[in-house]
Amino acid sequence: MKDRTEPRAEFTEQITTRIDALLREFQEMELEQMRKGEIEARAKLAEVKKTFNRKRDAMKKQLEQAGNASSAAWDDARKGVESAWDELRAAMDHARSEFSDAEETETQAV
């Protein structure tokens, strides 16, 4: 008989790996924007980072709750984690879009 905690552990590991990769991607984007050093870009970065960090913290909380969920509550906990992941990913997509739009505007101005 398969241990019921095995799928949980696999799910948690997969989500943690995705979060780590997304955080690295965000940090790389953040460094790129900081190198540009533009005042407007820095202000935009601060706002985007605040939103991203709020979503990241919510994601971590959901993941922790899922880890502590009973077998009966596991499905709901998993859905909560998946929803938080979607929101975190959307925050990253928004951040990427913000800076992509800014770079296009700069290129057109030159």
Protein backbone atom coordinates (compact mmCIF):
# COMPACT_ATOMS: atom_id res chain seq x y z
CA MET A 1 0.00 0.00 0.00
CA LYS A 2 1.36 3.39 -1.00
CA ASP A 3 2.03 5.86 1.79
CA ARG A 4 -0.45 8.76 1.64
CA THR A 5 2.25 11.27 2.55
CA GLU A 6 4.34 10.43 -0.53
CA PRO A 7 2.16 12.40 -3.00
CA ARG A 8 2.12 15.31 -0.53
CA ALA A 9 5.89 15.31 -0.29
CA GLU A 10 6.23 15.18 -4.08
CA PHE A 11 3.73 18.03 -4.51
CA THR A 12 5.44 20.14 -1.86
CA GLU A 13 8.85 19.51 -3.41
CA GLN A 14 7.59 20.44 -6.89
CA ILE A 15 6.01 23.68 -5.64
CA THR A 16 9.11 24.58 -3.63
CA THR A 17 11.29 24.05 -6.70
CA ARG A 18 8.97 26.27 -8.78
CA ILE A 19 8.97 28.99 -6.11
CA ASP A 20 12.77 28.94 -5.88
CA ALA A 21 13.10 29.24 -9.66
CA LEU A 22 10.60 32.10 -9.77
CA LEU A 23 12.37 33.93 -6.96
CA ARG A 24 15.69 33.62 -8.80
CA GLU A 25 14.04 34.94 -11.96
CA PHE A 26 12.60 37.89 -10.05
CA GLN A 27 15.97 38.65 -8.45
CA GLU A 28 17.68 38.62 -11.85
CA MET A 29 15.07 41.01 -13.22
CA GLU A 30 15.47 43.20 -10.15
CA LEU A 31 19.25 43.37 -10.58
CA GLU A 32 18.86 44.21 -14.26
CA GLN A 33 16.55 47.10 -13.43
CA MET A 34 18.84 48.35 -10.67
CA ARG A 35 21.77 48.39 -13.09
CA LYS A 36 19.81 50.73 -15.29
CA GLY A 37 19.67 53.08 -12.33
CA GLU A 38 16.82 55.17 -13.65
CA ILE A 39 14.73 56.90 -11.04
CA GLU A 40 11.45 55.91 -12.70
CA ALA A 41 12.58 52.30 -13.07
CA ARG A 42 13.57 52.16 -9.41
CA ALA A 43 10.21 53.53 -8.29
CA LYS A 44 8.40 51.02 -10.50
CA LEU A 45 10.66 48.24 -9.19
CA ALA A 46 9.84 49.12 -5.58
CA GLU A 47 6.10 48.84 -6.23
CA VAL A 48 6.41 45.62 -8.23
CA LYS A 49 8.69 44.11 -5.57
CA LYS A 50 6.20 44.98 -2.81
CA THR A 51 3.40 43.19 -4.67
CA PHE A 52 5.60 40.22 -5.55
CA ASN A 53 6.82 39.82 -1.96
CA ARG A 54 3.26 39.96 -0.63
CA LYS A 55 2.24 37.16 -3.04
CA ARG A 56 5.41 35.20 -2.17
CA ASP A 57 4.61 35.40 1.55
CA ALA A 58 1.02 34.25 0.92
CA MET A 59 2.39 31.35 -1.14
CA LYS A 60 4.72 30.29 1.68
CA LYS A 61 1.86 30.47 4.18
CA GLN A 62 -0.37 28.29 1.99
CA LEU A 63 2.44 25.78 1.52
CA GLU A 64 3.03 25.62 5.27
CA GLN A 65 -0.68 25.12 5.93
CA ALA A 66 -0.79 22.36 3.33
CA GLY A 67 2.10 20.63 5.03
CA ASN A 68 0.18 20.61 8.29
CA ALA A 69 -3.20 19.65 6.81
CA SER A 70 -4.93 16.47 7.81
CA SER A 71 -5.73 13.86 5.20
CA ALA A 72 -9.33 15.09 5.12
CA ALA A 73 -8.24 18.69 4.51
CA TRP A 74 -5.49 17.87 2.02
CA ASP A 75 -7.52 18.52 -1.15
CA ASP A 76 -8.56 21.99 0.05
CA ALA A 77 -5.01 22.75 1.17
CA ARG A 78 -3.64 21.68 -2.20
CA LYS A 79 -6.15 23.91 -4.00
CA GLY A 80 -5.07 26.81 -1.78
CA VAL A 81 -1.43 26.23 -2.71
CA GLU A 82 -2.25 26.00 -6.40
CA SER A 83 -4.26 29.23 -6.22
CA ALA A 84 -1.45 31.02 -4.37
CA TRP A 85 1.01 29.74 -6.99
CA ASP A 86 -1.17 31.14 -9.78
CA GLU A 87 -1.24 34.53 -8.05
CA LEU A 88 2.53 34.52 -7.52
CA ARG A 89 3.13 33.57 -11.15
CA ALA A 90 0.73 36.34 -12.26
CA ALA A 91 2.65 38.86 -10.14
CA MET A 92 5.85 37.78 -11.87
CA ASP A 93 4.23 38.05 -15.30
CA HIS A 94 2.98 41.52 -14.40
CA ALA A 95 6.45 42.57 -13.26
CA ARG A 96 8.01 41.25 -16.44
CA SER A 97 5.38 43.09 -18.50
CA GLU A 98 5.95 46.35 -16.63
CA PHE A 99 9.66 46.35 -17.41
CA SER A 100 9.21 45.04 -20.92
CA ASP A 101 6.84 47.93 -21.67
CA ALA A 102 9.29 50.42 -20.16
CA GLU A 103 12.14 49.08 -22.30
CA GLU A 104 10.01 49.31 -25.46
CA THR A 105 9.15 52.94 -24.66
CA GLU A 106 12.84 53.77 -24.10
CA THR A 107 13.84 52.10 -27.37
CA GLN A 108 11.19 54.01 -29.30
CA ALA A 109 12.29 57.32 -27.74
CA VAL A 110 15.87 56.82 -28.96
